[in-house]
Amino acid sequence: MLRIVPFPHPALRYEARPVTEIDDEFRANVREMFELMYDARGIGLAATQVALPYQFFVLNLTADPDQPEQERVFINPEITKRHSSIEDEEGCLSFPGLYAKVRRAKRIKVRWFDLDGNSLELDAEDLESRAIQHEIDHLSGRLFIDMLSPLTRSSVAAKIRDFETKFRRAQAEGEYPSDEEIRKQLDAL
């Protein structure tokens, strides 16, 4: 059973590997990720956020499970072009309740594979562009807090420390294994 892992879980800094097979287990993980995303009221969720070390994420900009036609699965995604930039507020399901302004490309071109193995390409802008960039960053172990200005980073430092404290306490209570054990598990998947 998958669950969204909180910062600073080591999976969030793990460099994801390309997906090489789309089978029933993969499809079940995708479905479960959509359910977790909806339960958390999110619009996107990367595999590394559920401790799966693979290059894929799910997206539904409506955040509405009653609009499954808006669901997209991005497998082995790659941004091929970026245009201009804009700063806007972001949040992350691995940092519940934390929001901050992040500068990203306003428009991008992205290429990926869907669940049927088809190669797709999209010109995305505004929220769609931001969400795709945010999720692709997750697949490289990069988090939105890494992109904060020094002033913003300073203003949220206490909240970030609180996430760290809660996670370490959960580890001490046996809810999560040690960081080393988590890394071994990720390597073995």
N, C-alpha and C. Protein backbone atom coordinates (compact mmCIF):
# COMPACT_ATOMS: atom_id res chain seq x y z
N MET A 1 0.84 -1.19 0.00
CA MET A 1 0.00 0.00 0.00
C MET A 1 0.88 1.25 0.00
N LEU A 2 0.62 2.14 -0.92
CA LEU A 2 1.41 3.35 -1.05
C LEU A 2 0.91 4.43 -0.09
N ARG A 3 1.80 5.36 0.24
CA ARG A 3 1.41 6.54 0.99
C ARG A 3 2.35 7.68 0.59
N ILE A 4 1.85 8.88 0.72
CA ILE A 4 2.67 10.06 0.40
C ILE A 4 3.66 10.24 1.54
N VAL A 5 4.94 10.30 1.19
CA VAL A 5 5.97 10.44 2.21
C VAL A 5 6.26 11.92 2.46
N PRO A 6 6.48 12.27 3.72
CA PRO A 6 6.76 13.66 4.07
C PRO A 6 8.26 13.97 4.00
N PHE A 7 8.58 15.24 3.80
CA PHE A 7 9.95 15.71 3.91
C PHE A 7 10.43 15.47 5.33
N PRO A 8 11.66 15.01 5.55
CA PRO A 8 12.77 14.78 4.62
C PRO A 8 12.98 13.30 4.24
N HIS A 9 11.92 12.56 4.01
CA HIS A 9 12.05 11.16 3.61
C HIS A 9 13.06 11.05 2.46
N PRO A 10 14.02 10.12 2.54
CA PRO A 10 15.07 10.01 1.52
C PRO A 10 14.57 9.79 0.09
N ALA A 11 13.39 9.22 -0.09
CA ALA A 11 12.86 9.02 -1.45
C ALA A 11 12.69 10.35 -2.18
N LEU A 12 12.46 11.43 -1.42
CA LEU A 12 12.25 12.74 -2.04
C LEU A 12 13.53 13.31 -2.65
N ARG A 13 14.68 12.78 -2.26
CA ARG A 13 15.96 13.23 -2.81
C ARG A 13 16.57 12.17 -3.74
N TYR A 14 15.82 11.14 -4.02
CA TYR A 14 16.31 10.02 -4.82
C TYR A 14 16.18 10.32 -6.31
N GLU A 15 17.21 10.03 -7.07
CA GLU A 15 17.18 10.20 -8.52
C GLU A 15 16.44 9.01 -9.13
N ALA A 16 15.26 9.28 -9.68
CA ALA A 16 14.41 8.21 -10.21
C ALA A 16 15.00 7.59 -11.48
N ARG A 17 14.69 6.31 -11.66
CA ARG A 17 15.15 5.58 -12.85
C ARG A 17 14.04 5.54 -13.89
N PRO A 18 14.40 5.44 -15.17
CA PRO A 18 13.37 5.36 -16.21
C PRO A 18 12.48 4.13 -16.03
N VAL A 19 11.22 4.29 -16.40
CA VAL A 19 10.28 3.18 -16.43
C VAL A 19 10.60 2.35 -17.67
N THR A 20 10.71 1.03 -17.50
CA THR A 20 11.03 0.15 -18.64
C THR A 20 9.91 -0.81 -18.97
N GLU A 21 8.90 -0.91 -18.09
CA GLU A 21 7.80 -1.84 -18.33
C GLU A 21 6.51 -1.29 -17.74
N ILE A 22 5.46 -1.36 -18.54
CA ILE A 22 4.13 -0.95 -18.08
C ILE A 22 3.30 -2.22 -17.95
N ASP A 23 3.16 -2.70 -16.71
CA ASP A 23 2.42 -3.94 -16.47
C ASP A 23 1.25 -3.67 -15.52
N ASP A 24 0.59 -4.72 -15.08
CA ASP A 24 -0.58 -4.57 -14.19
C ASP A 24 -0.19 -3.93 -12.86
N GLU A 25 0.97 -4.29 -12.33
CA GLU A 25 1.42 -3.70 -11.07
C GLU A 25 1.65 -2.20 -11.23
N PHE A 26 2.26 -1.81 -12.34
CA PHE A 26 2.50 -0.39 -12.61
C PHE A 26 1.16 0.35 -12.70
N ARG A 27 0.21 -0.21 -13.44
CA ARG A 27 -1.11 0.42 -13.58
C ARG A 27 -1.82 0.53 -12.23
N ALA A 28 -1.67 -0.48 -11.37
CA ALA A 28 -2.27 -0.43 -10.04
C ALA A 28 -1.64 0.68 -9.20
N ASN A 29 -0.31 0.85 -9.32
CA ASN A 29 0.37 1.93 -8.60
C ASN A 29 -0.14 3.29 -9.08
N VAL A 30 -0.31 3.43 -10.39
CA VAL A 30 -0.83 4.68 -10.95
C VAL A 30 -2.21 4.99 -10.38
N ARG A 31 -3.09 3.99 -10.36
CA ARG A 31 -4.45 4.21 -9.85
C ARG A 31 -4.41 4.62 -8.38
N GLU A 32 -3.56 3.92 -7.61
CA GLU A 32 -3.44 4.23 -6.18
C GLU A 32 -2.89 5.64 -5.97
N MET A 33 -1.95 6.05 -6.82
CA MET A 33 -1.40 7.41 -6.72
C MET A 33 -2.47 8.46 -6.99
N PHE A 34 -3.32 8.23 -7.98
CA PHE A 34 -4.42 9.18 -8.22
C PHE A 34 -5.30 9.28 -6.98
N GLU A 35 -5.63 8.15 -6.36
CA GLU A 35 -6.49 8.17 -5.17
C GLU A 35 -5.83 8.93 -4.02
N LEU A 36 -4.54 8.69 -3.80
CA LEU A 36 -3.81 9.42 -2.76
C LEU A 36 -3.80 10.92 -3.05
N MET A 37 -3.57 11.27 -4.31
CA MET A 37 -3.52 12.68 -4.72
C MET A 37 -4.87 13.34 -4.45
N TYR A 38 -5.96 12.67 -4.83
CA TYR A 38 -7.29 13.24 -4.60
C TYR A 38 -7.59 13.38 -3.11
N ASP A 39 -7.23 12.35 -2.33
CA ASP A 39 -7.47 12.41 -0.88
C ASP A 39 -6.74 13.59 -0.25
N ALA A 40 -5.57 13.93 -0.79
CA ALA A 40 -4.77 15.04 -0.26
C ALA A 40 -5.12 16.37 -0.93
N ARG A 41 -6.07 16.35 -1.84
CA ARG A 41 -6.52 17.54 -2.56
C ARG A 41 -5.41 18.17 -3.40
N GLY A 42 -4.62 17.30 -4.05
CA GLY A 42 -3.54 17.78 -4.89
C GLY A 42 -3.90 17.69 -6.36
N ILE A 43 -3.02 18.27 -7.20
CA ILE A 43 -3.22 18.21 -8.66
C ILE A 43 -2.16 17.36 -9.34
N GLY A 44 -1.10 17.01 -8.61
CA GLY A 44 -0.04 16.18 -9.17
C GLY A 44 0.65 15.39 -8.08
N LEU A 45 1.22 14.25 -8.46
CA LEU A 45 1.95 13.42 -7.51
C LEU A 45 3.00 12.62 -8.26
N ALA A 46 4.25 12.77 -7.84
CA ALA A 46 5.37 12.05 -8.46
C ALA A 46 5.61 10.73 -7.75
N ALA A 47 6.13 9.76 -8.51
CA ALA A 47 6.39 8.43 -7.97
C ALA A 47 7.31 8.49 -6.75
N THR A 48 8.30 9.37 -6.77
CA THR A 48 9.22 9.45 -5.63
C THR A 48 8.51 9.91 -4.36
N GLN A 49 7.37 10.58 -4.51
CA GLN A 49 6.61 11.02 -3.33
C GLN A 49 5.88 9.88 -2.65
N VAL A 50 5.81 8.72 -3.32
CA VAL A 50 5.24 7.53 -2.69
C VAL A 50 6.31 6.44 -2.59
N ALA A 51 7.57 6.88 -2.59
CA ALA A 51 8.74 6.00 -2.42
C ALA A 51 8.87 4.96 -3.53
N LEU A 52 8.50 5.34 -4.74
CA LEU A 52 8.77 4.50 -5.91
C LEU A 52 9.83 5.21 -6.73
N PRO A 53 10.98 4.57 -6.98
CA PRO A 53 12.11 5.25 -7.59
C PRO A 53 12.08 5.28 -9.13
N TYR A 54 10.91 5.62 -9.69
CA TYR A 54 10.76 5.57 -11.15
C TYR A 54 10.30 6.91 -11.70
N GLN A 55 10.62 7.15 -12.96
CA GLN A 55 10.33 8.43 -13.60
C GLN A 55 8.90 8.48 -14.15
N PHE A 56 7.97 8.76 -13.28
CA PHE A 56 6.61 9.00 -13.73
C PHE A 56 5.85 9.79 -12.67
N PHE A 57 4.81 10.47 -13.14
CA PHE A 57 3.94 11.17 -12.21
C PHE A 57 2.53 11.21 -12.78
N VAL A 58 1.57 11.49 -11.90
CA VAL A 58 0.17 11.61 -12.28
C VAL A 58 -0.24 13.07 -12.13
N LEU A 59 -1.23 13.47 -12.94
CA LEU A 59 -1.64 14.86 -12.95
C LEU A 59 -3.13 14.95 -13.29
N ASN A 60 -3.85 15.78 -12.54
CA ASN A 60 -5.22 16.16 -12.88
C ASN A 60 -5.38 17.58 -12.34
N LEU A 61 -5.32 18.56 -13.22
CA LEU A 61 -5.33 19.95 -12.80
C LEU A 61 -6.63 20.36 -12.12
N THR A 62 -7.70 19.58 -12.30
CA THR A 62 -8.97 19.89 -11.63
C THR A 62 -8.98 19.40 -10.18
N ALA A 63 -8.09 18.46 -9.84
CA ALA A 63 -8.05 17.82 -8.51
C ALA A 63 -9.38 17.15 -8.19
N ASP A 64 -10.15 16.82 -9.22
CA ASP A 64 -11.49 16.29 -9.05
C ASP A 64 -11.56 14.85 -9.55
N PRO A 65 -11.77 13.89 -8.64
CA PRO A 65 -11.86 12.49 -9.07
C PRO A 65 -13.06 12.22 -9.97
N ASP A 66 -14.03 13.13 -9.98
CA ASP A 66 -15.19 12.97 -10.86
C ASP A 66 -14.92 13.46 -12.28
N GLN A 67 -13.67 13.86 -12.54
CA GLN A 67 -13.28 14.26 -13.89
C GLN A 67 -12.09 13.41 -14.36
N PRO A 68 -12.30 12.08 -14.44
CA PRO A 68 -11.19 11.20 -14.82
C PRO A 68 -10.66 11.47 -16.23
N GLU A 69 -11.46 12.13 -17.07
CA GLU A 69 -10.98 12.45 -18.42
C GLU A 69 -9.83 13.48 -18.38
N GLN A 70 -9.66 14.13 -17.22
CA GLN A 70 -8.57 15.10 -17.05
C GLN A 70 -7.29 14.44 -16.51
N GLU A 71 -7.35 13.17 -16.18
CA GLU A 71 -6.18 12.47 -15.63
C GLU A 71 -5.15 12.21 -16.71
N ARG A 72 -3.90 12.47 -16.36
CA ARG A 72 -2.80 12.16 -17.26
C ARG A 72 -1.68 11.49 -16.47
N VAL A 73 -1.03 10.55 -17.13
CA VAL A 73 0.14 9.87 -16.55
C VAL A 73 1.32 10.21 -17.46
N PHE A 74 2.37 10.78 -16.86
CA PHE A 74 3.57 11.16 -17.59
C PHE A 74 4.68 10.17 -17.24
N ILE A 75 5.07 9.35 -18.20
CA ILE A 75 6.10 8.34 -17.99
C ILE A 75 7.38 8.79 -18.70
N ASN A 76 8.50 8.75 -17.99
CA ASN A 76 9.80 9.19 -18.51
C ASN A 76 9.70 10.57 -19.17
N PRO A 77 9.15 11.56 -18.46
CA PRO A 77 8.95 12.88 -19.06
C PRO A 77 10.25 13.65 -19.23
N GLU A 78 10.25 14.52 -20.22
CA GLU A 78 11.43 15.35 -20.50
C GLU A 78 10.96 16.71 -21.02
N ILE A 79 11.45 17.77 -20.40
CA ILE A 79 11.16 19.12 -20.88
C ILE A 79 12.16 19.42 -21.99
N THR A 80 11.65 19.76 -23.17
CA THR A 80 12.52 20.01 -24.32
C THR A 80 12.70 21.50 -24.62
N LYS A 81 11.79 22.34 -24.13
CA LYS A 81 11.91 23.80 -24.32
C LYS A 81 11.28 24.52 -23.14
N ARG A 82 11.87 25.68 -22.82
CA ARG A 82 11.34 26.55 -21.78
C ARG A 82 11.27 27.97 -22.35
N HIS A 83 10.19 28.69 -22.03
CA HIS A 83 10.00 30.06 -22.52
C HIS A 83 9.66 30.99 -21.37
N SER A 84 10.31 32.13 -21.31
CA SER A 84 10.09 33.19 -20.31
C SER A 84 9.97 32.61 -18.90
N SER A 85 9.66 33.44 -17.94
CA SER A 85 9.52 32.94 -16.57
C SER A 85 8.50 33.78 -15.82
N ILE A 86 8.01 33.18 -14.75
CA ILE A 86 7.01 33.84 -13.91
C ILE A 86 7.14 33.27 -12.50
N GLU A 87 6.84 34.11 -11.52
CA GLU A 87 6.87 33.66 -10.13
C GLU A 87 5.43 33.51 -9.64
N ASP A 88 5.16 32.39 -9.00
CA ASP A 88 3.82 32.16 -8.46
C ASP A 88 3.93 31.20 -7.28
N GLU A 89 2.85 31.10 -6.53
CA GLU A 89 2.83 30.27 -5.32
C GLU A 89 2.72 28.79 -5.67
N GLU A 90 3.46 27.98 -4.92
CA GLU A 90 3.41 26.53 -5.05
C GLU A 90 3.28 25.91 -3.68
N GLY A 91 2.75 24.72 -3.69
CA GLY A 91 2.71 23.88 -2.51
C GLY A 91 3.15 22.49 -2.94
N CYS A 92 3.19 21.57 -2.00
CA CYS A 92 3.64 20.22 -2.30
C CYS A 92 3.00 19.26 -1.30
N LEU A 93 2.52 18.11 -1.80
CA LEU A 93 1.86 17.15 -0.91
C LEU A 93 2.82 16.54 0.12
N SER A 94 4.13 16.65 -0.12
CA SER A 94 5.10 16.16 0.87
C SER A 94 5.45 17.24 1.90
N PHE A 95 4.87 18.43 1.73
CA PHE A 95 5.02 19.56 2.67
C PHE A 95 3.63 20.13 2.95
N PRO A 96 2.71 19.34 3.53
CA PRO A 96 1.34 19.83 3.68
C PRO A 96 1.28 21.16 4.45
N GLY A 97 0.57 22.11 3.85
CA GLY A 97 0.37 23.40 4.50
C GLY A 97 1.45 24.43 4.21
N LEU A 98 2.52 24.05 3.51
CA LEU A 98 3.59 25.00 3.20
C LEU A 98 3.42 25.49 1.77
N TYR A 99 3.37 26.80 1.62
CA TYR A 99 3.23 27.43 0.30
C TYR A 99 4.24 28.56 0.19
N ALA A 100 4.81 28.71 -1.00
CA ALA A 100 5.79 29.78 -1.20
C ALA A 100 5.88 30.09 -2.69
N LYS A 101 6.34 31.29 -3.00
CA LYS A 101 6.50 31.71 -4.40
C LYS A 101 7.78 31.11 -4.98
N VAL A 102 7.63 30.57 -6.20
CA VAL A 102 8.74 29.93 -6.91
C VAL A 102 8.74 30.45 -8.34
N ARG A 103 9.93 30.77 -8.85
CA ARG A 103 10.06 31.22 -10.24
C ARG A 103 10.28 29.99 -11.13
N ARG A 104 9.46 29.90 -12.17
CA ARG A 104 9.56 28.80 -13.14
C ARG A 104 9.30 29.34 -14.53
N ALA A 105 9.59 28.52 -15.53
CA ALA A 105 9.26 28.87 -16.91
C ALA A 105 7.75 29.04 -17.04
N LYS A 106 7.34 30.06 -17.75
CA LYS A 106 5.90 30.30 -17.97
C LYS A 106 5.33 29.27 -18.94
N ARG A 107 6.11 28.95 -19.99
CA ARG A 107 5.67 27.98 -20.99
C ARG A 107 6.76 26.95 -21.19
N ILE A 108 6.36 25.71 -21.41
CA ILE A 108 7.32 24.63 -21.69
C ILE A 108 6.78 23.74 -22.80
N LYS A 109 7.69 22.99 -23.37
CA LYS A 109 7.32 21.88 -24.26
C LYS A 109 7.83 20.63 -23.55
N VAL A 110 6.95 19.64 -23.41
CA VAL A 110 7.31 18.42 -22.68
C VAL A 110 6.98 17.22 -23.55
N ARG A 111 7.83 16.19 -23.45
CA ARG A 111 7.64 14.94 -24.16
C ARG A 111 7.60 13.82 -23.12
N TRP A 112 6.72 12.82 -23.32
CA TRP A 112 6.60 11.71 -22.38
C TRP A 112 5.89 10.55 -23.05
N PHE A 113 5.75 9.46 -22.31
CA PHE A 113 4.98 8.29 -22.75
C PHE A 113 3.75 8.17 -21.88
N ASP A 114 2.65 7.69 -22.48
CA ASP A 114 1.43 7.47 -21.71
C ASP A 114 1.35 6.00 -21.28
N LEU A 115 0.26 5.62 -20.65
CA LEU A 115 0.10 4.25 -20.14
C LEU A 115 0.05 3.19 -21.25
N ASP A 116 -0.23 3.62 -22.46
CA ASP A 116 -0.24 2.68 -23.59
C ASP A 116 1.09 2.64 -24.32
N GLY A 117 2.09 3.37 -23.81
CA GLY A 117 3.41 3.38 -24.44
C GLY A 117 3.52 4.34 -25.61
N ASN A 118 2.50 5.18 -25.81
CA ASN A 118 2.54 6.17 -26.89
C ASN A 118 3.42 7.34 -26.50
N SER A 119 4.22 7.83 -27.44
CA SER A 119 5.03 9.03 -27.22
C SER A 119 4.16 10.25 -27.49
N LEU A 120 4.12 11.17 -26.54
CA LEU A 120 3.29 12.37 -26.64
C LEU A 120 4.14 13.61 -26.42
N GLU A 121 3.64 14.74 -26.92
CA GLU A 121 4.32 16.02 -26.74
C GLU A 121 3.26 17.08 -26.49
N LEU A 122 3.58 18.05 -25.66
CA LEU A 122 2.61 19.06 -25.27
C LEU A 122 3.31 20.40 -25.06
N ASP A 123 2.66 21.47 -25.53
CA ASP A 123 3.06 22.82 -25.17
C ASP A 123 2.17 23.21 -24.00
N ALA A 124 2.77 23.45 -22.84
CA ALA A 124 2.00 23.77 -21.64
C ALA A 124 2.36 25.16 -21.15
N GLU A 125 1.38 25.83 -20.54
CA GLU A 125 1.66 27.13 -19.95
C GLU A 125 0.88 27.30 -18.66
N ASP A 126 1.24 28.33 -17.93
CA ASP A 126 0.59 28.71 -16.68
C ASP A 126 0.58 27.55 -15.68
N LEU A 127 -0.58 27.23 -15.08
CA LEU A 127 -0.63 26.20 -14.02
C LEU A 127 -0.16 24.85 -14.53
N GLU A 128 -0.56 24.48 -15.74
CA GLU A 128 -0.15 23.19 -16.29
C GLU A 128 1.37 23.11 -16.41
N SER A 129 1.98 24.17 -16.90
CA SER A 129 3.44 24.23 -17.03
C SER A 129 4.11 24.12 -15.66
N ARG A 130 3.60 24.88 -14.70
CA ARG A 130 4.16 24.90 -13.35
C ARG A 130 4.06 23.51 -12.71
N ALA A 131 2.90 22.89 -12.82
CA ALA A 131 2.69 21.57 -12.21
C ALA A 131 3.62 20.52 -12.82
N ILE A 132 3.76 20.54 -14.14
CA ILE A 132 4.64 19.57 -14.81
C ILE A 132 6.08 19.78 -14.38
N GLN A 133 6.53 21.03 -14.33
CA GLN A 133 7.90 21.31 -13.91
C GLN A 133 8.14 20.86 -12.47
N HIS A 134 7.17 21.12 -11.60
CA HIS A 134 7.27 20.72 -10.19
C HIS A 134 7.42 19.20 -10.07
N GLU A 135 6.58 18.46 -10.79
CA GLU A 135 6.63 17.00 -10.69
C GLU A 135 7.90 16.43 -11.33
N ILE A 136 8.34 16.98 -12.45
CA ILE A 136 9.59 16.51 -13.07
C ILE A 136 10.77 16.77 -12.14
N ASP A 137 10.76 17.92 -11.45
CA ASP A 137 11.82 18.18 -10.47
C ASP A 137 11.87 17.07 -9.42
N HIS A 138 10.71 16.62 -8.96
CA HIS A 138 10.68 15.53 -7.97
C HIS A 138 11.45 14.31 -8.46
N LEU A 139 11.34 14.01 -9.75
CA LEU A 139 11.98 12.80 -10.29
C LEU A 139 13.49 12.91 -10.31
N SER A 140 14.01 14.13 -10.14
CA SER A 140 15.46 14.35 -10.05
C SER A 140 15.90 14.58 -8.61
N GLY A 141 14.99 14.44 -7.67
CA GLY A 141 15.33 14.67 -6.26
C GLY A 141 15.37 16.14 -5.90
N ARG A 142 14.79 16.98 -6.73
CA ARG A 142 14.78 18.43 -6.49
C ARG A 142 13.39 18.82 -5.97
N LEU A 143 13.37 19.63 -4.91
CA LEU A 143 12.12 20.02 -4.27
C LEU A 143 11.88 21.52 -4.44
N PHE A 144 10.63 21.92 -4.34
CA PHE A 144 10.33 23.34 -4.55
C PHE A 144 11.02 24.23 -3.53
N ILE A 145 11.32 23.72 -2.34
CA ILE A 145 12.02 24.54 -1.35
C ILE A 145 13.45 24.85 -1.79
N ASP A 146 14.00 24.04 -2.70
CA ASP A 146 15.35 24.29 -3.21
C ASP A 146 15.39 25.53 -4.11
N MET A 147 14.24 25.95 -4.59
CA MET A 147 14.16 27.05 -5.54
C MET A 147 13.71 28.36 -4.91
N LEU A 148 13.57 28.37 -3.61
CA LEU A 148 13.11 29.58 -2.93
C LEU A 148 14.23 30.62 -2.86
N SER A 149 13.83 31.88 -2.90
CA SER A 149 14.81 32.96 -2.71
C SER A 149 15.33 32.87 -1.28
N PRO A 150 16.52 33.42 -1.01
CA PRO A 150 17.05 33.37 0.37
C PRO A 150 16.09 33.96 1.40
N LEU A 151 15.41 35.05 1.05
CA LEU A 151 14.48 35.69 1.98
C LEU A 151 13.28 34.77 2.26
N THR A 152 12.72 34.20 1.21
CA THR A 152 11.59 33.30 1.39
C THR A 152 12.02 32.06 2.17
N ARG A 153 13.17 31.53 1.81
CA ARG A 153 13.69 30.34 2.52
C ARG A 153 13.80 30.62 4.02
N SER A 154 14.30 31.79 4.35
CA SER A 154 14.43 32.18 5.75
C SER A 154 13.07 32.27 6.43
N SER A 155 12.07 32.77 5.71
CA SER A 155 10.75 32.94 6.31
C SER A 155 10.03 31.61 6.56
N VAL A 156 10.41 30.55 5.84
CA VAL A 156 9.76 29.25 6.04
C VAL A 156 10.68 28.24 6.75
N ALA A 157 11.84 28.69 7.17
CA ALA A 157 12.83 27.79 7.79
C ALA A 157 12.25 27.05 9.00
N ALA A 158 11.48 27.72 9.81
CA ALA A 158 10.92 27.07 11.01
C ALA A 158 9.95 25.96 10.61
N LYS A 159 9.15 26.18 9.58
CA LYS A 159 8.21 25.15 9.12
C LYS A 159 8.97 23.94 8.57
N ILE A 160 10.05 24.19 7.85
CA ILE A 160 10.85 23.10 7.29
C ILE A 160 11.48 22.29 8.42
N ARG A 161 12.00 22.98 9.43
CA ARG A 161 12.57 22.28 10.60
C ARG A 161 11.50 21.44 11.30
N ASP A 162 10.27 21.95 11.34
CA ASP A 162 9.17 21.22 11.96
C ASP A 162 8.88 19.92 11.19
N PHE A 163 8.91 19.97 9.86
CA PHE A 163 8.74 18.75 9.06
C PHE A 163 9.84 17.74 9.39
N GLU A 164 11.09 18.24 9.49
CA GLU A 164 12.23 17.36 9.81
C GLU A 164 12.04 16.72 11.18
N THR A 165 11.66 17.51 12.16
CA THR A 165 11.46 17.01 13.52
C THR A 165 10.38 15.94 13.56
N LYS A 166 9.26 16.19 12.90
CA LYS A 166 8.16 15.21 12.90
C LYS A 166 8.58 13.91 12.22
N PHE A 167 9.33 14.03 11.12
CA PHE A 167 9.76 12.82 10.42
C PHE A 167 10.73 12.01 11.27
N ARG A 168 11.70 12.67 11.89
CA ARG A 168 12.67 11.96 12.74
C ARG A 168 11.97 11.31 13.93
N ARG A 169 10.96 11.97 14.47
CA ARG A 169 10.20 11.38 15.57
C ARG A 169 9.47 10.12 15.08
N ALA A 170 8.87 10.20 13.90
CA ALA A 170 8.18 9.04 13.33
C ALA A 170 9.15 7.89 13.08
N GLN A 171 10.37 8.21 12.65
CA GLN A 171 11.39 7.17 12.49
C GLN A 171 11.73 6.54 13.83
N ALA A 172 11.92 7.37 14.84
CA ALA A 172 12.28 6.86 16.17
C ALA A 172 11.18 5.96 16.73
N GLU A 173 9.93 6.24 16.34
CA GLU A 173 8.80 5.43 16.82
C GLU A 173 8.55 4.21 15.95
N GLY A 174 9.39 4.02 14.91
CA GLY A 174 9.28 2.83 14.06
C GLY A 174 8.32 2.95 12.88
N GLU A 175 7.76 4.14 12.66
CA GLU A 175 6.84 4.32 11.53
C GLU A 175 7.58 4.25 10.19
N TYR A 176 8.82 4.71 10.20
CA TYR A 176 9.68 4.64 9.01
C TYR A 176 11.01 4.01 9.41
N PRO A 177 11.63 3.24 8.49
CA PRO A 177 12.97 2.72 8.79
C PRO A 177 14.00 3.85 8.76
N SER A 178 15.24 3.52 9.05
CA SER A 178 16.32 4.51 9.01
C SER A 178 16.50 4.99 7.58
N ASP A 179 17.14 6.15 7.44
CA ASP A 179 17.42 6.68 6.09
C ASP A 179 18.22 5.68 5.27
N GLU A 180 19.21 5.04 5.89
CA GLU A 180 20.05 4.07 5.18
C GLU A 180 19.21 2.89 4.68
N GLU A 181 18.31 2.41 5.53
CA GLU A 181 17.45 1.28 5.14
C GLU A 181 16.50 1.69 4.01
N ILE A 182 15.97 2.90 4.08
CA ILE A 182 15.08 3.39 3.01
C ILE A 182 15.84 3.44 1.69
N ARG A 183 17.07 3.95 1.71
CA ARG A 183 17.88 4.02 0.48
C ARG A 183 18.14 2.61 -0.09
N LYS A 184 18.41 1.66 0.78
CA LYS A 184 18.62 0.27 0.34
C LYS A 184 17.34 -0.27 -0.31
N GLN A 185 16.19 0.02 0.29
CA GLN A 185 14.91 -0.44 -0.26
C GLN A 185 14.68 0.17 -1.66
N LEU A 186 14.98 1.45 -1.80
CA LEU A 186 14.80 2.12 -3.09
C LEU A 186 15.73 1.52 -4.15
N ASP A 187 16.97 1.25 -3.75
CA ASP A 187 17.94 0.65 -4.68
C ASP A 187 17.49 -0.73 -5.13
N ALA A 188 16.80 -1.45 -4.23
CA ALA A 188 16.39 -2.83 -4.52
C ALA A 188 15.14 -2.91 -5.41
N LEU A 189 14.37 -1.83 -5.48
CA LEU A 189 13.13 -1.85 -6.27
C LEU A 189 13.43 -1.88 -7.77
